Each structure stands twice: as C-alpha cells, then as structure tokens.
N, C-alpha and C. Protein backbone atom coordinates (compact mmCIF):
# COMPACT_ATOMS: atom_id res chain seq x y z
N MET A 1 2.45 21.79 -9.15
CA MET A 1 1.66 20.66 -9.65
C MET A 1 -0.02 20.88 -9.78
N SER A 2 -0.71 20.49 -10.51
CA SER A 2 -2.28 20.78 -10.63
C SER A 2 -2.46 20.21 -9.35
N ARG A 3 -3.94 20.03 -9.45
CA ARG A 3 -4.63 18.65 -8.53
C ARG A 3 -5.03 17.30 -9.56
N ARG A 4 -5.40 17.65 -10.48
CA ARG A 4 -5.11 16.71 -11.61
C ARG A 4 -4.38 15.62 -12.31
N SER A 5 -2.95 16.26 -12.16
CA SER A 5 -1.19 15.40 -12.39
C SER A 5 -1.52 14.80 -10.43
N ALA A 6 -1.36 14.91 -9.90
CA ALA A 6 -1.33 15.09 -8.26
C ALA A 6 -2.52 13.75 -8.14
N LEU A 7 -3.38 14.11 -8.58
CA LEU A 7 -4.07 12.51 -8.20
C LEU A 7 -3.94 11.55 -9.11
N LEU A 8 -3.11 11.46 -10.40
CA LEU A 8 -2.74 11.28 -11.63
C LEU A 8 -1.53 10.33 -10.64
N ILE A 9 -0.63 11.03 -10.18
CA ILE A 9 0.43 10.27 -9.68
C ILE A 9 -0.08 9.60 -8.81
N PHE A 10 -0.75 9.62 -7.45
CA PHE A 10 -1.30 8.80 -6.58
C PHE A 10 -2.26 8.35 -6.74
N TRP A 11 -2.74 7.93 -7.73
CA TRP A 11 -3.74 6.89 -8.51
C TRP A 11 -2.77 6.06 -9.42
N ILE A 12 -1.85 5.81 -10.01
CA ILE A 12 -1.09 5.37 -10.98
C ILE A 12 0.00 5.04 -9.24
N LEU A 13 0.23 5.40 -8.07
CA LEU A 13 0.71 4.44 -7.19
C LEU A 13 0.67 3.88 -7.08
N GLY A 14 -0.30 4.09 -6.41
CA GLY A 14 -2.19 2.73 -5.68
C GLY A 14 -2.25 1.80 -6.51
N PHE A 15 -1.85 2.70 -7.53
CA PHE A 15 -2.07 1.09 -8.60
C PHE A 15 -1.37 -0.43 -8.24
N ALA A 16 0.13 0.56 -8.69
CA ALA A 16 1.55 -0.52 -9.09
C ALA A 16 1.24 -0.89 -7.62
N VAL A 17 1.25 -0.47 -6.54
CA VAL A 17 1.76 -0.88 -5.20
C VAL A 17 0.25 -1.94 -4.99
N GLY A 18 -1.39 -2.05 -5.83
CA GLY A 18 -1.89 -2.93 -5.61
C GLY A 18 -1.32 -4.38 -6.36
N SER A 19 -1.37 -3.84 -7.54
CA SER A 19 -0.79 -5.33 -8.43
C SER A 19 -0.02 -5.97 -7.63
N ILE A 20 1.65 -5.34 -7.79
CA ILE A 20 2.82 -6.12 -6.81
C ILE A 20 2.00 -6.38 -5.72
N GLY A 21 1.40 -5.97 -4.93
CA GLY A 21 1.13 -6.55 -3.13
C GLY A 21 0.04 -8.08 -3.68
N TYR A 22 -0.50 -7.95 -5.33
CA TYR A 22 -1.59 -8.67 -5.31
C TYR A 22 -0.77 -9.78 -5.85
N LEU A 23 0.92 -10.28 -6.56
CA LEU A 23 1.27 -10.30 -6.91
C LEU A 23 2.45 -11.47 -5.82
N SER A 24 2.50 -11.06 -5.03
CA SER A 24 3.75 -10.95 -3.91
C SER A 24 2.28 -11.46 -2.67
N LEU A 25 1.34 -12.03 -2.58
CA LEU A 25 0.84 -12.14 -1.13
C LEU A 25 0.47 -13.59 -1.58
N PRO A 26 0.71 -14.27 -2.11
CA PRO A 26 0.48 -15.99 -1.83
C PRO A 26 1.82 -16.50 -0.87
N GLY A 27 3.22 -15.46 -1.53
CA GLY A 27 4.49 -16.02 -0.05
C GLY A 27 4.55 -14.99 0.29
N VAL A 28 3.90 -13.77 0.93
CA VAL A 28 4.13 -12.84 2.04
C VAL A 28 2.70 -13.53 2.66
N ALA A 29 1.60 -14.37 2.31
CA ALA A 29 0.95 -14.91 3.47
C ALA A 29 0.61 -16.00 4.08
N ASN A 30 1.12 -17.07 3.41
CA ASN A 30 2.06 -18.24 3.88
C ASN A 30 3.06 -18.00 4.99
N TRP A 31 3.71 -16.15 4.93
CA TRP A 31 4.61 -15.96 5.90
C TRP A 31 4.49 -16.32 7.07
N PHE A 32 3.55 -14.83 6.99
CA PHE A 32 2.67 -14.22 7.93
C PHE A 32 1.42 -14.94 8.87
N ALA A 33 0.96 -16.66 7.86
CA ALA A 33 0.05 -17.05 8.74
C ALA A 33 1.27 -18.33 9.80
N GLY A 34 2.33 -18.47 9.43
CA GLY A 34 2.93 -19.29 10.57
C GLY A 34 3.66 -17.82 11.97
N ILE A 35 3.32 -17.09 11.70
CA ILE A 35 3.60 -15.80 12.51
C ILE A 35 2.50 -15.98 13.65
N VAL A 36 1.45 -15.96 13.21
CA VAL A 36 0.06 -14.83 13.65
C VAL A 36 -0.40 -16.62 14.24
N PRO A 37 -1.61 -16.48 15.13
CA PRO A 37 -2.40 -17.30 15.49
C PRO A 37 -3.21 -17.84 14.58
N ASN A 38 -3.84 -19.35 14.94
CA ASN A 38 -4.41 -20.28 13.80
C ASN A 38 -5.63 -19.16 13.50
N PHE A 39 -6.62 -18.36 14.23
CA PHE A 39 -7.72 -17.84 14.87
C PHE A 39 -7.99 -17.12 13.26
N LEU A 40 -6.93 -16.52 12.62
CA LEU A 40 -7.07 -15.76 11.99
C LEU A 40 -6.90 -16.35 10.23
N ASN A 41 -7.88 -17.08 9.41
CA ASN A 41 -8.47 -17.15 8.47
C ASN A 41 -7.20 -16.18 7.19
N GLN A 42 -6.85 -16.56 5.69
CA GLN A 42 -6.14 -16.28 4.50
C GLN A 42 -6.86 -15.31 4.01
N ALA A 43 -8.23 -14.86 3.77
CA ALA A 43 -8.94 -13.82 3.54
C ALA A 43 -7.69 -12.63 4.05
N MET A 44 -8.43 -12.86 6.20
CA MET A 44 -8.23 -12.51 6.97
C MET A 44 -6.57 -11.97 6.98
N ILE A 45 -5.59 -12.64 6.71
CA ILE A 45 -3.98 -12.32 7.04
C ILE A 45 -4.16 -11.70 6.06
N GLY A 46 -5.02 -11.21 3.91
CA GLY A 46 -4.25 -10.63 3.70
C GLY A 46 -4.80 -9.41 3.22
N ALA A 47 -5.65 -9.24 4.06
CA ALA A 47 -6.47 -7.75 4.11
C ALA A 47 -5.70 -7.30 4.73
N LEU A 48 -5.28 -7.71 6.47
CA LEU A 48 -4.60 -6.99 7.21
C LEU A 48 -3.15 -6.57 5.71
N ILE A 49 -2.75 -7.35 5.55
CA ILE A 49 -1.02 -6.90 4.77
C ILE A 49 -1.74 -5.97 3.70
N ALA A 50 -3.08 -5.73 3.83
CA ALA A 50 -2.46 -4.82 1.93
C ALA A 50 -3.92 -3.74 3.11
N GLY A 51 -3.85 -3.46 3.88
CA GLY A 51 -4.10 -2.56 4.67
C GLY A 51 -2.96 -1.87 5.27
N ILE A 52 -1.96 -2.83 6.11
CA ILE A 52 -0.65 -2.16 6.64
C ILE A 52 0.34 -1.43 4.99
N VAL A 53 0.51 -2.18 3.98
CA VAL A 53 0.97 -1.44 2.73
C VAL A 53 0.39 -0.43 2.41
N GLY A 54 -0.36 -0.41 2.21
CA GLY A 54 -1.65 0.60 1.44
C GLY A 54 -1.35 2.25 2.73
N SER A 55 -1.50 1.83 4.02
CA SER A 55 -1.71 2.61 4.60
C SER A 55 -0.31 3.65 4.66
N ALA A 56 0.66 2.36 4.72
CA ALA A 56 1.65 3.24 5.10
C ALA A 56 2.34 3.87 3.48
N VAL A 57 1.79 3.61 2.44
CA VAL A 57 2.48 4.15 1.00
C VAL A 57 1.90 5.47 0.77
N SER A 58 0.52 5.12 1.34
CA SER A 58 -0.78 6.73 1.20
C SER A 58 -0.30 7.39 1.78
N THR A 59 0.98 7.06 3.51
CA THR A 59 1.41 8.50 4.10
C THR A 59 2.74 8.58 3.43
N PHE A 60 3.09 7.74 3.10
CA PHE A 60 4.58 8.53 3.14
C PHE A 60 4.03 9.29 1.72
N SER A 61 3.61 8.84 0.82
CA SER A 61 3.86 9.79 0.02
C SER A 61 3.16 11.06 -0.03
N ILE A 62 1.65 11.45 0.94
CA ILE A 62 1.34 12.52 1.03
C ILE A 62 1.91 13.28 1.69
N VAL A 63 2.70 12.63 2.57
CA VAL A 63 4.06 13.02 3.73
C VAL A 63 4.78 14.25 2.48
N THR A 64 5.49 13.36 1.25
CA THR A 64 6.67 13.57 0.58
C THR A 64 6.16 14.35 0.22
N TRP A 65 4.26 14.26 -0.41
CA TRP A 65 3.87 15.65 -1.79
C TRP A 65 3.85 17.25 -0.57
N ALA A 66 3.19 17.19 0.66
CA ALA A 66 2.32 18.14 1.18
C ALA A 66 4.50 18.54 1.52
N ASN A 67 5.48 18.02 2.08
CA ASN A 67 6.51 18.69 2.37
C ASN A 67 7.61 18.78 1.75
N ARG A 68 7.36 19.21 -0.03
CA ARG A 68 8.01 19.52 -1.30
C ARG A 68 8.31 20.83 -0.87
N SER A 69 8.69 21.16 -2.06
CA SER A 69 9.48 22.55 -2.42
C SER A 69 7.90 23.75 -2.95
N SER A 70 7.32 24.09 -2.86
CA SER A 70 6.51 25.13 -3.43
C SER A 70 6.48 25.50 -4.88
N THR A 71 7.21 26.30 -4.95
CA THR A 71 8.36 27.05 -6.20
C THR A 71 8.16 26.14 -7.49
N ILE A 72 7.38 26.57 -8.62
CA ILE A 72 7.06 25.38 -9.98
C ILE A 72 7.48 26.08 -11.46
C-alpha cells in the first residue's frame, strides 16, 4: 500500500468517525453529563468524548496497519 492510499484511508476513516460522532453527540453528551460532576460544561464534555473516540480509533487503525503483512 502506498503512502498516499494509506493517508487517504486514514482520512476517510477519520471523517466517517467524526461525522458519526457529531450526529450522536447530543445523546452521548446528555448521558455523559449525568455521570460527571456539574463543573464541566457541555463543550468540555463534547471535547472529552471526541478526544477519547478519536484517539481510540486512530490508535487502533495505525496499530492494525503497522502489524499487517508486508506482502503486496
């Protein structure tokens, strides 16, 4: 797999996860707001959720890509 195709795949994956996350954020944020203390506002909760999901997806995808077979 070339670098350009790998970057394209990671970009598409990030775009898809971000879009799905944006659409599901109100429900998840309301659920998450009930768990954490009231000193966190809605924007901070959204940032925490986006950071956790983004880091998990990128870590999983890069580790999977790095451990794949190198045969073409």
